[in-house]
Amino acid sequence: MFTQLIRDESGATAIEYGLIAALVAVAIIVALTALGGSLDDLFTGISTELDAASAP
């Protein structure tokens, strides 16, 4: 019974998938943080242009 428990790798696969998901989440967070300033500038520029276009 103990040797069968040692040979069972189904838990290891779940842990591997969990680690991959965590790495993907960290990569997304890093990318969004890096692009945050650029996106803020982009939307501010769009807002300014829309305000100027809608002014009488």
PDB file of N, CA and C in Angstrom:
ATOM      1  N   MET A   1       0.827  -1.190   0.000  1.00  0.00           N
ATOM      2  CA  MET A   1       0.000   0.000   0.000  1.00  0.00           C
ATOM      3  C   MET A   1       0.878   1.263   0.000  1.00  0.00           C
ATOM      4  N   PHE A   2       1.959   1.256   0.759  1.00  0.00           N
ATOM      5  CA  PHE A   2       2.849   2.408   0.829  1.00  0.00           C
ATOM      6  C   PHE A   2       3.558   2.637  -0.504  1.00  0.00           C
ATOM      7  N   THR A   3       3.980   1.567  -1.165  1.00  0.00           N
ATOM      8  CA  THR A   3       4.654   1.708  -2.460  1.00  0.00           C
ATOM      9  C   THR A   3       3.693   2.224  -3.523  1.00  0.00           C
ATOM     10  N   GLN A   4       2.435   1.821  -3.423  1.00  0.00           N
ATOM     11  CA  GLN A   4       1.432   2.318  -4.364  1.00  0.00           C
ATOM     12  C   GLN A   4       1.214   3.819  -4.154  1.00  0.00           C
ATOM     13  N   LEU A   5       1.238   4.262  -2.924  1.00  0.00           N
ATOM     14  CA  LEU A   5       1.081   5.679  -2.613  1.00  0.00           C
ATOM     15  C   LEU A   5       2.259   6.488  -3.158  1.00  0.00           C
ATOM     16  N   ILE A   6       3.455   5.933  -3.078  1.00  0.00           N
ATOM     17  CA  ILE A   6       4.648   6.618  -3.577  1.00  0.00           C
ATOM     18  C   ILE A   6       4.606   6.716  -5.106  1.00  0.00           C
ATOM     19  N   ARG A   7       4.095   5.699  -5.788  1.00  0.00           N
ATOM     20  CA  ARG A   7       4.049   5.679  -7.247  1.00  0.00           C
ATOM     21  C   ARG A   7       2.930   6.557  -7.811  1.00  0.00           C
ATOM     22  N   ASP A   8       1.956   6.908  -6.988  1.00  0.00           N
ATOM     23  CA  ASP A   8       0.830   7.718  -7.450  1.00  0.00           C
ATOM     24  C   ASP A   8       1.311   9.143  -7.717  1.00  0.00           C
ATOM     25  N   GLU A   9       1.182   9.593  -8.974  1.00  0.00           N
ATOM     26  CA  GLU A   9       1.671  10.909  -9.366  1.00  0.00           C
ATOM     27  C   GLU A   9       0.542  11.880  -9.708  1.00  0.00           C
ATOM     28  N   SER A  10      -0.687  11.542  -9.392  1.00  0.00           N
ATOM     29  CA  SER A  10      -1.803  12.421  -9.752  1.00  0.00           C
ATOM     30  C   SER A  10      -1.743  13.736  -8.983  1.00  0.00           C
ATOM     31  N   GLY A  11      -1.292  13.721  -7.755  1.00  0.00           N
ATOM     32  CA  GLY A  11      -1.153  14.957  -6.991  1.00  0.00           C
ATOM     33  C   GLY A  11      -0.052  15.836  -7.543  1.00  0.00           C
ATOM     34  N   ALA A  12       1.008  15.234  -8.029  1.00  0.00           N
ATOM     35  CA  ALA A  12       2.121  16.000  -8.604  1.00  0.00           C
ATOM     36  C   ALA A  12       1.669  16.736  -9.859  1.00  0.00           C
ATOM     37  N   THR A  13       0.814  16.130 -10.644  1.00  0.00           N
ATOM     38  CA  THR A  13       0.318  16.780 -11.850  1.00  0.00           C
ATOM     39  C   THR A  13      -0.526  17.993 -11.489  1.00  0.00           C
ATOM     40  N   ALA A  14      -1.362  17.858 -10.477  1.00  0.00           N
ATOM     41  CA  ALA A  14      -2.189  18.984 -10.045  1.00  0.00           C
ATOM     42  C   ALA A  14      -1.307  20.122  -9.530  1.00  0.00           C
ATOM     43  N   ILE A  15      -0.262  19.805  -8.816  1.00  0.00           N
ATOM     44  CA  ILE A  15       0.653  20.828  -8.315  1.00  0.00           C
ATOM     45  C   ILE A  15       1.351  21.519  -9.475  1.00  0.00           C
ATOM     46  N   GLU A  16       1.753  20.773 -10.489  1.00  0.00           N
ATOM     47  CA  GLU A  16       2.403  21.365 -11.654  1.00  0.00           C
ATOM     48  C   GLU A  16       1.466  22.332 -12.371  1.00  0.00           C
ATOM     49  N   TYR A  17       0.218  21.944 -12.555  1.00  0.00           N
ATOM     50  CA  TYR A  17      -0.745  22.837 -13.187  1.00  0.00           C
ATOM     51  C   TYR A  17      -0.968  24.084 -12.333  1.00  0.00           C
ATOM     52  N   GLY A  18      -1.001  23.922 -11.041  1.00  0.00           N
ATOM     53  CA  GLY A  18      -1.147  25.062 -10.143  1.00  0.00           C
ATOM     54  C   GLY A  18       0.032  26.020 -10.248  1.00  0.00           C
ATOM     55  N   LEU A  19       1.240  25.476 -10.342  1.00  0.00           N
ATOM     56  CA  LEU A  19       2.425  26.326 -10.488  1.00  0.00           C
ATOM     57  C   LEU A  19       2.422  27.058 -11.824  1.00  0.00           C
ATOM     58  N   ILE A  20       1.998  26.386 -12.886  1.00  0.00           N
ATOM     59  CA  ILE A  20       1.922  27.028 -14.194  1.00  0.00           C
ATOM     60  C   ILE A  20       0.901  28.167 -14.158  1.00  0.00           C
ATOM     61  N   ALA A  21      -0.251  27.927 -13.549  1.00  0.00           N
ATOM     62  CA  ALA A  21      -1.279  28.966 -13.446  1.00  0.00           C
ATOM     63  C   ALA A  21      -0.764  30.156 -12.634  1.00  0.00           C
ATOM     64  N   ALA A  22      -0.026  29.881 -11.571  1.00  0.00           N
ATOM     65  CA  ALA A  22       0.533  30.963 -10.758  1.00  0.00           C
ATOM     66  C   ALA A  22       1.557  31.772 -11.546  1.00  0.00           C
ATOM     67  N   LEU A  23       2.386  31.116 -12.329  1.00  0.00           N
ATOM     68  CA  LEU A  23       3.374  31.823 -13.141  1.00  0.00           C
ATOM     69  C   LEU A  23       2.706  32.676 -14.215  1.00  0.00           C
ATOM     70  N   VAL A  24       1.654  32.168 -14.815  1.00  0.00           N
ATOM     71  CA  VAL A  24       0.924  32.939 -15.813  1.00  0.00           C
ATOM     72  C   VAL A  24       0.291  34.165 -15.155  1.00  0.00           C
ATOM     73  N   ALA A  25      -0.279  34.005 -13.971  1.00  0.00           N
ATOM     74  CA  ALA A  25      -0.878  35.134 -13.263  1.00  0.00           C
ATOM     75  C   ALA A  25       0.167  36.188 -12.923  1.00  0.00           C
ATOM     76  N   VAL A  26       1.335  35.762 -12.476  1.00  0.00           N
ATOM     77  CA  VAL A  26       2.406  36.708 -12.159  1.00  0.00           C
ATOM     78  C   VAL A  26       2.847  37.444 -13.425  1.00  0.00           C
ATOM     79  N   ALA A  27       2.961  36.741 -14.533  1.00  0.00           N
ATOM     80  CA  ALA A  27       3.360  37.375 -15.796  1.00  0.00           C
ATOM     81  C   ALA A  27       2.328  38.412 -16.237  1.00  0.00           C
ATOM     82  N   ILE A  28       1.063  38.096 -16.071  1.00  0.00           N
ATOM     83  CA  ILE A  28       0.008  39.051 -16.437  1.00  0.00           C
ATOM     84  C   ILE A  28       0.069  40.284 -15.550  1.00  0.00           C
ATOM     85  N   ILE A  29       0.265  40.089 -14.261  1.00  0.00           N
ATOM     86  CA  ILE A  29       0.350  41.215 -13.332  1.00  0.00           C
ATOM     87  C   ILE A  29       1.542  42.099 -13.663  1.00  0.00           C
ATOM     88  N   VAL A  30       2.674  41.492 -13.952  1.00  0.00           N
ATOM     89  CA  VAL A  30       3.870  42.266 -14.305  1.00  0.00           C
ATOM     90  C   VAL A  30       3.641  43.044 -15.599  1.00  0.00           C
ATOM     91  N   ALA A  31       3.027  42.414 -16.585  1.00  0.00           N
ATOM     92  CA  ALA A  31       2.782  43.084 -17.863  1.00  0.00           C
ATOM     93  C   ALA A  31       1.815  44.252 -17.696  1.00  0.00           C
ATOM     94  N   LEU A  32       0.754  44.056 -16.934  1.00  0.00           N
ATOM     95  CA  LEU A  32      -0.206  45.136 -16.724  1.00  0.00           C
ATOM     96  C   LEU A  32       0.395  46.273 -15.923  1.00  0.00           C
ATOM     97  N   THR A  33       1.247  45.952 -14.974  1.00  0.00           N
ATOM     98  CA  THR A  33       1.927  46.993 -14.202  1.00  0.00           C
ATOM     99  C   THR A  33       2.866  47.794 -15.093  1.00  0.00           C
ATOM    100  N   ALA A  34       3.580  47.106 -15.957  1.00  0.00           N
ATOM    101  CA  ALA A  34       4.512  47.788 -16.859  1.00  0.00           C
ATOM    102  C   ALA A  34       3.770  48.657 -17.869  1.00  0.00           C
ATOM    103  N   LEU A  35       2.617  48.209 -18.337  1.00  0.00           N
ATOM    104  CA  LEU A  35       1.852  48.953 -19.324  1.00  0.00           C
ATOM    105  C   LEU A  35       0.873  49.945 -18.704  1.00  0.00           C
ATOM    106  N   GLY A  36       0.755  49.939 -17.399  1.00  0.00           N
ATOM    107  CA  GLY A  36      -0.227  50.790 -16.725  1.00  0.00           C
ATOM    108  C   GLY A  36      -0.056  52.262 -17.039  1.00  0.00           C
ATOM    109  N   GLY A  37       1.160  52.766 -16.975  1.00  0.00           N
ATOM    110  CA  GLY A  37       1.405  54.174 -17.267  1.00  0.00           C
ATOM    111  C   GLY A  37       1.099  54.514 -18.705  1.00  0.00           C
ATOM    112  N   SER A  38       1.476  53.655 -19.616  1.00  0.00           N
ATOM    113  CA  SER A  38       1.218  53.890 -21.032  1.00  0.00           C
ATOM    114  C   SER A  38      -0.282  53.896 -21.329  1.00  0.00           C
ATOM    115  N   LEU A  39      -1.004  52.977 -20.721  1.00  0.00           N
ATOM    116  CA  LEU A  39      -2.447  52.924 -20.938  1.00  0.00           C
ATOM    117  C   LEU A  39      -3.126  54.149 -20.351  1.00  0.00           C
ATOM    118  N   ASP A  40      -2.648  54.599 -19.202  1.00  0.00           N
ATOM    119  CA  ASP A  40      -3.214  55.799 -18.583  1.00  0.00           C
ATOM    120  C   ASP A  40      -3.012  57.008 -19.497  1.00  0.00           C
ATOM    121  N   ASP A  41      -1.820  57.139 -20.054  1.00  0.00           N
ATOM    122  CA  ASP A  41      -1.542  58.238 -20.978  1.00  0.00           C
ATOM    123  C   ASP A  41      -2.414  58.147 -22.225  1.00  0.00           C
ATOM    124  N   LEU A  42      -2.596  56.951 -22.738  1.00  0.00           N
ATOM    125  CA  LEU A  42      -3.412  56.742 -23.931  1.00  0.00           C
ATOM    126  C   LEU A  42      -4.856  57.177 -23.680  1.00  0.00           C
ATOM    127  N   PHE A  43      -5.445  56.721 -22.584  1.00  0.00           N
ATOM    128  CA  PHE A  43      -6.839  57.055 -22.305  1.00  0.00           C
ATOM    129  C   PHE A  43      -7.007  58.526 -21.945  1.00  0.00           C
ATOM    130  N   THR A  44      -6.008  59.118 -21.324  1.00  0.00           N
ATOM    131  CA  THR A  44      -6.064  60.555 -21.042  1.00  0.00           C
ATOM    132  C   THR A  44      -6.052  61.344 -22.345  1.00  0.00           C
ATOM    133  N   GLY A  45      -5.210  60.928 -23.302  1.00  0.00           N
ATOM    134  CA  GLY A  45      -5.175  61.594 -24.606  1.00  0.00           C
ATOM    135  C   GLY A  45      -6.489  61.452 -25.352  1.00  0.00           C
ATOM    136  N   ILE A  46      -7.074  60.281 -25.308  1.00  0.00           N
ATOM    137  CA  ILE A  46      -8.366  60.058 -25.972  1.00  0.00           C
ATOM    138  C   ILE A  46      -9.437  60.933 -25.332  1.00  0.00           C
ATOM    139  N   SER A  47      -9.443  60.999 -24.020  1.00  0.00           N
ATOM    140  CA  SER A  47     -10.415  61.816 -23.306  1.00  0.00           C
ATOM    141  C   SER A  47     -10.258  63.294 -23.659  1.00  0.00           C
ATOM    142  N   THR A  48      -9.027  63.751 -23.742  1.00  0.00           N
ATOM    143  CA  THR A  48      -8.773  65.143 -24.097  1.00  0.00           C
ATOM    144  C   THR A  48      -9.269  65.450 -25.507  1.00  0.00           C
ATOM    145  N   GLU A  49      -8.995  64.539 -26.437  1.00  0.00           N
ATOM    146  CA  GLU A  49      -9.449  64.729 -27.821  1.00  0.00           C
ATOM    147  C   GLU A  49     -10.978  64.739 -27.911  1.00  0.00           C
ATOM    148  N   LEU A  50     -11.627  63.865 -27.162  1.00  0.00           N
ATOM    149  CA  LEU A  50     -13.086  63.818 -27.179  1.00  0.00           C
ATOM    150  C   LEU A  50     -13.676  65.081 -26.571  1.00  0.00           C
ATOM    151  N   ASP A  51     -13.068  65.574 -25.500  1.00  0.00           N
ATOM    152  CA  ASP A  51     -13.534  66.821 -24.892  1.00  0.00           C
ATOM    153  C   ASP A  51     -13.388  67.991 -25.857  1.00  0.00           C
ATOM    154  N   ALA A  52     -12.267  68.027 -26.567  1.00  0.00           N
ATOM    155  CA  ALA A  52     -12.025  69.101 -27.524  1.00  0.00           C
ATOM    156  C   ALA A  52     -13.000  69.011 -28.702  1.00  0.00           C
ATOM    157  N   ALA A  53     -13.307  67.818 -29.127  1.00  0.00           N
ATOM    158  CA  ALA A  53     -14.223  67.633 -30.262  1.00  0.00           C
ATOM    159  C   ALA A  53     -15.652  67.977 -29.899  1.00  0.00           C
ATOM    160  N   SER A  54     -16.020  67.779 -28.653  1.00  0.00           N
ATOM    161  CA  SER A  54     -17.395  68.041 -28.253  1.00  0.00           C
ATOM    162  C   SER A  54     -17.613  69.463 -27.767  1.00  0.00           C
ATOM    163  N   ALA A  55     -16.541  70.256 -27.639  1.00  0.00           N
ATOM    164  CA  ALA A  55     -16.673  71.651 -27.197  1.00  0.00           C
ATOM    165  C   ALA A  55     -17.259  72.481 -28.340  1.00  0.00           C
ATOM    166  N   PRO A  56     -18.148  73.413 -28.007  1.00  0.00           N
ATOM    167  CA  PRO A  56     -18.782  74.238 -29.075  1.00  0.00           C
ATOM    168  C   PRO A  56     -17.836  75.189 -29.737  1.00  0.00           C
TER     169      PRO A  56
END
